[in-house]
Structure formats: structure tokens, C-alpha cells
N, C-alpha and C. Protein backbone atom coordinates (compact mmCIF):
# COMPACT_ATOMS: atom_id res chain seq x y z
N MET A 1 -241.41 74.35 238.33
CA MET A 1 -241.10 72.93 237.20
C MET A 1 -240.73 71.79 238.13
N THR A 2 -240.92 70.86 237.63
CA THR A 2 -240.25 69.23 238.19
C THR A 2 -239.38 68.45 237.18
N THR A 3 -238.27 67.83 237.97
CA THR A 3 -237.46 67.61 236.68
C THR A 3 -237.56 65.54 237.32
N MET A 4 -236.74 64.86 235.80
CA MET A 4 -237.70 64.17 236.02
C MET A 4 -236.12 63.07 236.16
N GLN A 5 -235.70 62.23 237.42
CA GLN A 5 -234.28 61.73 236.97
C GLN A 5 -234.56 60.29 236.48
N ASN A 6 -233.27 60.22 235.44
CA ASN A 6 -233.53 58.78 235.23
C ASN A 6 -232.65 57.80 236.00
N ALA A 7 -234.09 57.67 236.82
CA ALA A 7 -233.62 56.44 238.16
C ALA A 7 -234.69 55.21 237.53
N GLU A 8 -233.80 54.11 238.45
CA GLU A 8 -234.75 52.84 238.42
C GLU A 8 -235.13 52.71 239.40
N PRO A 9 -236.31 51.65 239.42
CA PRO A 9 -237.06 51.95 241.27
C PRO A 9 -236.06 50.80 241.54
N GLU A 10 -236.87 51.11 242.86
CA GLU A 10 -235.34 50.38 244.18
C GLU A 10 -236.01 48.62 243.15
N THR A 11 -236.74 48.58 243.38
CA THR A 11 -237.15 47.08 243.07
C THR A 11 -236.52 46.47 242.02
N ILE A 12 -236.48 47.50 241.08
CA ILE A 12 -235.40 46.57 240.26
C ILE A 12 -234.10 46.72 240.33
N ARG A 13 -233.24 47.74 241.28
CA ARG A 13 -232.14 47.33 241.02
C ARG A 13 -232.19 47.00 242.62
N THR A 14 -233.07 46.19 243.17
CA THR A 14 -232.49 45.08 243.57
C THR A 14 -232.25 43.86 243.46
N VAL A 15 -232.65 43.28 242.21
CA VAL A 15 -232.67 42.44 241.86
C VAL A 15 -231.67 41.72 240.85
N LYS A 16 -231.29 43.62 239.46
CA LYS A 16 -230.21 42.92 239.28
C LYS A 16 -228.90 43.18 239.32
N GLU A 17 -228.51 43.70 240.48
CA GLU A 17 -227.48 44.19 241.57
C GLU A 17 -226.51 42.32 241.60
N PRO A 18 -227.92 41.48 242.19
CA PRO A 18 -227.59 40.37 242.35
C PRO A 18 -226.84 39.70 241.30
N LEU A 19 -227.73 39.50 240.32
CA LEU A 19 -227.65 39.27 238.72
C LEU A 19 -226.70 39.74 238.35
N ARG A 20 -226.00 40.14 238.53
CA ARG A 20 -224.69 41.52 237.36
C ARG A 20 -223.40 40.56 238.44
N ARG A 21 -223.83 40.77 240.08
CA ARG A 21 -222.37 39.96 240.26
C ARG A 21 -222.22 38.63 240.28
N ALA A 22 -224.18 37.45 239.94
CA ALA A 22 -223.41 35.97 239.63
C ALA A 22 -222.98 36.27 238.25
N GLY A 23 -222.77 36.67 237.51
CA GLY A 23 -222.44 36.84 236.09
C GLY A 23 -221.02 36.83 236.25
N ILE A 24 -221.13 38.04 236.61
CA ILE A 24 -219.24 38.74 237.08
C ILE A 24 -218.59 36.84 238.02
N TYR A 25 -218.93 36.60 238.74
CA TYR A 25 -218.95 35.49 239.24
C TYR A 25 -218.48 33.94 238.65
N THR A 26 -218.97 33.83 237.36
CA THR A 26 -219.59 33.56 236.68
C THR A 26 -218.42 32.95 235.50
N ALA A 27 -218.29 34.45 235.18
CA ALA A 27 -217.00 33.94 233.94
C ALA A 27 -215.68 34.36 234.45
N ALA A 28 -215.58 35.14 235.77
CA ALA A 28 -214.19 34.90 236.65
C ALA A 28 -213.91 33.62 236.89
N GLY A 29 -214.46 32.26 237.27
CA GLY A 29 -214.33 31.34 237.88
C GLY A 29 -214.19 29.80 236.63
N ALA A 30 -214.99 30.69 235.00
CA ALA A 30 -214.68 30.01 234.05
C ALA A 30 -213.27 30.42 233.32
N ILE A 31 -212.73 31.22 232.99
CA ILE A 31 -210.81 32.09 233.79
C ILE A 31 -210.37 31.75 234.51
N ILE A 32 -210.37 31.39 235.55
CA ILE A 32 -209.72 30.98 237.18
C ILE A 32 -209.36 29.30 236.26
N ALA A 33 -211.18 28.36 236.16
CA ALA A 33 -210.88 26.96 235.90
C ALA A 33 -209.97 27.24 234.07
N GLY A 34 -210.25 27.55 233.45
CA GLY A 34 -209.68 27.55 232.48
C GLY A 34 -207.86 27.48 231.96
N LEU A 35 -207.72 28.83 233.19
CA LEU A 35 -205.30 28.59 233.61
C LEU A 35 -205.16 27.54 234.71
N ALA A 36 -205.75 27.11 234.97
CA ALA A 36 -206.28 25.88 235.67
C ALA A 36 -205.62 24.44 234.90
N THR A 37 -206.14 24.44 233.77
CA THR A 37 -206.41 23.77 233.03
C THR A 37 -205.23 23.60 231.99
N LEU A 38 -204.76 24.93 231.60
CA LEU A 38 -203.56 24.97 231.39
C LEU A 38 -201.95 24.83 231.71
N LEU A 39 -202.80 25.27 232.96
CA LEU A 39 -200.95 24.98 233.97
C LEU A 39 -200.75 23.87 234.61
N GLN A 40 -201.64 23.03 234.61
CA GLN A 40 -201.26 22.00 234.51
C GLN A 40 -200.61 20.92 234.33
N PRO A 41 -199.53 21.12 235.23
CA PRO A 41 -198.42 19.30 235.01
C PRO A 41 -198.71 18.67 234.26
N LYS A 42 -198.49 18.27 232.79
CA LYS A 42 -198.64 17.29 231.96
C LYS A 42 -198.23 15.98 232.47
N GLU A 43 -198.75 15.01 232.18
CA GLU A 43 -198.27 13.95 232.81
C GLU A 43 -197.37 13.14 231.40
N ALA A 44 -196.16 12.89 232.33
CA ALA A 44 -195.03 12.36 231.92
C ALA A 44 -195.26 10.57 231.42
N LYS A 45 -195.15 10.18 230.15
CA LYS A 45 -195.58 8.77 229.32
C LYS A 45 -194.91 7.80 230.29
N ALA A 46 -195.93 7.45 230.98
CA ALA A 46 -194.98 5.62 231.45
C ALA A 46 -194.15 5.28 230.44
N ASP A 47 -193.24 4.92 231.18
CA ASP A 47 -192.01 3.88 230.28
C ASP A 47 -192.61 2.74 231.11
N PRO A 48 -192.86 1.36 229.63
CA PRO A 48 -193.77 0.06 230.04
C PRO A 48 -192.18 -0.67 230.34
N LEU A 49 -190.64 -0.62 230.50
CA LEU A 49 -189.71 -0.90 231.30
C LEU A 49 -188.97 -0.90 232.28
N GLY A 50 -189.92 0.33 232.93
CA GLY A 50 -189.49 0.80 234.11
C GLY A 50 -188.11 2.13 233.65
N SER A 51 -187.88 2.26 233.35
CA SER A 51 -186.11 3.07 233.03
C SER A 51 -186.29 4.32 233.08
N PRO A 52 -185.27 5.00 234.02
CA PRO A 52 -185.11 6.01 234.80
C PRO A 52 -185.66 7.00 233.33
N CYS A 53 -185.42 6.93 232.16
CA CYS A 53 -185.04 8.59 231.37
C CYS A 53 -185.23 7.72 230.18
N CYS A 54 -185.27 6.79 229.50
CA CYS A 54 -185.50 6.63 228.08
C CYS A 54 -186.98 6.31 226.98
N ALA A 55 -187.73 6.97 228.06
CA ALA A 55 -188.60 7.11 226.89
C ALA A 55 -189.71 5.68 225.90
N LEU A 56 -189.23 4.55 226.52
CA LEU A 56 -189.50 3.73 225.42
C LEU A 56 -190.75 3.38 224.84
N ALA A 57 -190.82 2.81 223.78
CA ALA A 57 -192.30 2.22 223.19
C ALA A 57 -192.17 1.08 223.86
N THR A 58 -191.28 -0.18 223.81
CA THR A 58 -192.94 -1.62 223.86
C THR A 58 -192.51 -2.33 225.47
N SER A 59 -193.04 -2.98 225.86
CA SER A 59 -192.74 -3.78 226.70
C SER A 59 -192.16 -5.02 227.16
N ARG A 60 -192.05 -5.16 226.06
CA ARG A 60 -191.38 -6.82 225.13
C ARG A 60 -189.42 -6.17 225.13
N TRP A 61 -189.23 -6.53 226.28
CA TRP A 61 -187.42 -7.35 226.39
C TRP A 61 -187.35 -6.76 224.86
N CYS A 62 -185.77 -6.65 224.42
CA CYS A 62 -184.98 -6.90 223.33
C CYS A 62 -184.43 -8.17 224.15
N PRO A 63 -183.80 -9.23 223.07
CA PRO A 63 -183.44 -10.59 223.41
C PRO A 63 -181.18 -10.50 223.32
N TYR A 64 -180.81 -10.43 224.41
CA TYR A 64 -179.90 -10.74 224.81
C TYR A 64 -179.11 -11.35 224.72
N PRO A 65 -177.58 -12.40 224.63
CA PRO A 65 -177.31 -13.30 224.82
C PRO A 65 -176.93 -13.84 226.47
N VAL A 66 -176.17 -12.86 226.99
CA VAL A 66 -175.83 -12.43 228.12
C VAL A 66 -175.43 -11.51 229.05
N ASP A 67 -175.45 -10.59 228.49
CA ASP A 67 -176.09 -9.49 229.12
C ASP A 67 -176.77 -8.38 228.35
N ARG A 68 -176.90 -7.22 229.06
CA ARG A 68 -177.69 -6.21 228.05
C ARG A 68 -177.28 -6.08 227.32
N PRO A 69 -175.70 -5.26 227.21
CA PRO A 69 -175.29 -4.46 226.28
C PRO A 69 -174.86 -4.92 224.86
N ARG A 70 -175.18 -6.64 225.00
CA ARG A 70 -175.09 -7.16 223.93
C ARG A 70 -176.14 -7.42 222.89
N TRP A 71 -177.65 -6.65 223.36
CA TRP A 71 -178.61 -7.02 222.97
C TRP A 71 -178.79 -7.17 221.08
N TYR A 72 -179.45 -7.45 220.62
CA TYR A 72 -179.91 -7.36 218.86
C TYR A 72 -181.33 -7.63 218.71
N CYS A 73 -181.97 -7.36 217.78
CA CYS A 73 -183.11 -7.43 217.20
C CYS A 73 -183.19 -8.45 215.63
N PRO A 74 -184.39 -8.74 216.24
CA PRO A 74 -184.57 -9.98 214.93
C PRO A 74 -185.11 -9.61 213.67
N SER A 75 -184.76 -10.21 212.74
CA SER A 75 -184.53 -10.39 210.80
C SER A 75 -185.65 -9.04 211.02
N GLY A 76 -184.89 -7.68 209.93
CA GLY A 76 -186.34 -7.17 209.44
C GLY A 76 -186.20 -5.48 210.69
N TYR A 77 -185.32 -6.16 211.38
CA TYR A 77 -185.77 -4.58 211.87
C TYR A 77 -184.21 -4.07 212.69
N ASN A 78 -184.33 -2.98 212.63
CA ASN A 78 -183.15 -2.23 212.85
C ASN A 78 -182.96 -2.33 214.35
N ARG A 79 -181.47 -2.28 215.01
CA ARG A 79 -181.59 -2.18 216.16
C ARG A 79 -181.14 0.78 215.73
N THR A 80 -181.81 0.37 216.95
CA THR A 80 -181.37 2.29 217.21
C THR A 80 -181.48 2.15 218.95
N TYR A 81 -180.42 2.81 219.11
CA TYR A 81 -180.42 3.30 220.52
C TYR A 81 -179.77 4.92 220.78
N TRP A 82 -179.85 5.43 222.33
CA TRP A 82 -179.17 6.69 222.31
C TRP A 82 -178.68 6.65 224.02
N THR A 83 -178.89 7.92 224.60
CA THR A 83 -178.48 8.01 225.80
C THR A 83 -179.03 8.79 226.89
N CYS A 84 -179.47 8.94 227.47
CA CYS A 84 -180.00 9.54 228.54
C CYS A 84 -179.35 9.73 229.88
N LYS A 85 -179.46 10.13 231.02
CA LYS A 85 -178.75 10.99 232.27
C LYS A 85 -180.31 10.30 233.48
N ASP A 86 -179.78 10.23 234.08
CA ASP A 86 -181.37 9.32 235.70
C ASP A 86 -180.76 10.96 236.04
N GLY A 87 -181.54 10.31 237.41
CA GLY A 87 -181.56 11.51 238.35
C GLY A 87 -180.30 12.06 238.49
N SER A 88 -179.94 11.02 238.72
CA SER A 88 -178.30 10.66 239.39
C SER A 88 -177.46 11.43 239.12
N GLY A 89 -177.76 11.39 237.28
CA GLY A 89 -176.54 11.64 236.50
C GLY A 89 -175.84 10.51 235.62
N ARG A 90 -175.87 9.04 236.35
CA ARG A 90 -175.30 8.61 235.44
C ARG A 90 -176.29 8.28 233.73
N THR A 91 -175.22 7.95 233.18
CA THR A 91 -175.83 7.60 232.01
C THR A 91 -176.65 6.42 231.79
N VAL A 92 -177.53 6.34 231.39
CA VAL A 92 -178.23 4.81 230.85
C VAL A 92 -178.24 4.97 229.19
N TYR A 93 -178.17 3.80 228.57
CA TYR A 93 -178.40 2.75 226.95
C TYR A 93 -179.29 3.27 227.51
N CYS A 94 -180.12 3.46 226.04
CA CYS A 94 -181.76 3.18 225.72
C CYS A 94 -181.90 2.14 224.44
N GLY A 95 -182.56 1.51 223.76
CA GLY A 95 -182.63 0.98 222.87
C GLY A 95 -183.69 0.40 222.45
N GLU A 96 -183.96 -0.16 221.05
CA GLU A 96 -185.20 -0.26 220.78
C GLU A 96 -185.05 -0.75 219.34
N CYS A 97 -186.04 -2.22 218.35
CA CYS A 97 -185.96 -3.02 217.70
C CYS A 97 -186.87 -2.19 216.70
N THR A 98 -186.74 -1.52 215.41
CA THR A 98 -187.66 -1.15 214.92
C THR A 98 -187.52 -0.82 213.02
N THR A 99 -188.75 -0.66 212.72
CA THR A 99 -188.59 -1.02 210.98
C THR A 99 -187.80 -0.03 210.65
N SER A 100 -187.98 1.18 211.54
CA SER A 100 -186.94 2.59 210.39
C SER A 100 -186.26 2.63 210.97
N SER A 101 -185.30 3.35 210.35
CA SER A 101 -183.40 3.43 211.31
C SER A 101 -184.11 4.75 212.15
N SER A 102 -185.12 5.63 212.31
CA SER A 102 -184.76 6.02 213.00
C SER A 102 -185.60 5.59 214.80
N CYS A 103 -185.06 6.10 215.68
CA CYS A 103 -186.06 5.45 217.00
C CYS A 103 -187.39 5.82 217.10
N TRP A 104 -187.80 7.06 216.37
CA TRP A 104 -188.87 8.02 216.84
C TRP A 104 -190.40 7.57 215.66
N SER A 105 -189.67 6.30 215.00
CA SER A 105 -190.84 5.63 213.89
C SER A 105 -190.79 4.56 213.80
N GLY A 106 -191.58 4.22 213.00
CA GLY A 106 -191.85 2.83 212.68
C GLY A 106 -192.30 1.63 213.47
N SER A 107 -192.60 0.31 212.62
CA SER A 107 -193.20 -0.71 214.01
C SER A 107 -192.10 -1.40 214.80
N TYR A 108 -192.11 -1.35 216.06
CA TYR A 108 -191.54 -1.55 217.14
C TYR A 108 -191.25 -3.08 217.91
N TYR A 109 -190.31 -3.64 217.37
CA TYR A 109 -190.28 -5.30 217.76
C TYR A 109 -190.61 -5.19 219.69
N CYS A 110 -189.66 -4.73 219.72
CA CYS A 110 -188.90 -4.32 221.61
C CYS A 110 -188.30 -3.54 222.34
N SER A 111 -187.72 -3.31 223.36
CA SER A 111 -186.86 -2.58 223.51
C SER A 111 -186.36 -3.16 225.23
N ILE A 112 -185.14 -1.92 224.96
CA ILE A 112 -184.24 -2.65 225.91
C ILE A 112 -183.58 -1.04 226.92
N TRP A 113 -183.47 -0.69 228.29
CA TRP A 113 -182.12 -0.37 228.94
C TRP A 113 -181.46 -1.06 229.89
N TYR A 114 -179.80 -0.27 230.62
CA TYR A 114 -179.87 -0.47 230.89
C TYR A 114 -178.69 0.52 231.04
N TYR A 115 -177.33 0.32 232.70
CA TYR A 115 -176.47 0.98 233.09
C TYR A 115 -174.98 1.13 232.02
């Protein structure tokens, strides 16, 4: 009695194996590329006035009569301000003139920062 084995001929197995490996490598490459994209550090928003930590909205300096701490807003805009710490721990004063009562919304007229 002859038993038949469920085996593929050698030529088919030889062709299928590289294709299977290529599929695995392609899937692995896609996963690695996806993870690399997700894990990339996000680029910090550039501050148009070059402040050390304010993240200001405009590149126009707010007007000030003598020195920056005396800055003011034109009619129709509100003076909004906050502080942050630079890399050495010094307090930086940040401000903007906006049509809103919040630093985070409205139309911005100008920005300012100072120590």
C-alpha cells in the first residue's frame, strides 16, 4: 500500500518561502516606520519675537513709552499677560494685546516679553 504525503513539490516551496519572507519584512518595516513617526519629538512652535518661553502669537512688538514693562494696547484691544521660566529659572514676563479677555483667543495686535 502506498501512502501519499501532503507535500508541495520542491519548486513551489522554493518560490513561496522568499515571498513569505518579503511579506513579513514589508509588514515589519511598516510597523517600525509607523512607530518612528509616532515617537518623533514634536517641533516646538517658533516664537516670532524670540522669547525664551512665552510662545507669543505675533511678530509685532507692543508699544511701550520708556521700557517694556510699561507696554500698552491700542484702543479696542485688551492687555493680557502671564509669566514663564527660562532655561536658567529666571522669570520672563509675556504679554499680548488681543480682542479677547484671554491670552488664548481673539485677534492679536501685538506681543511682548521682558525680564
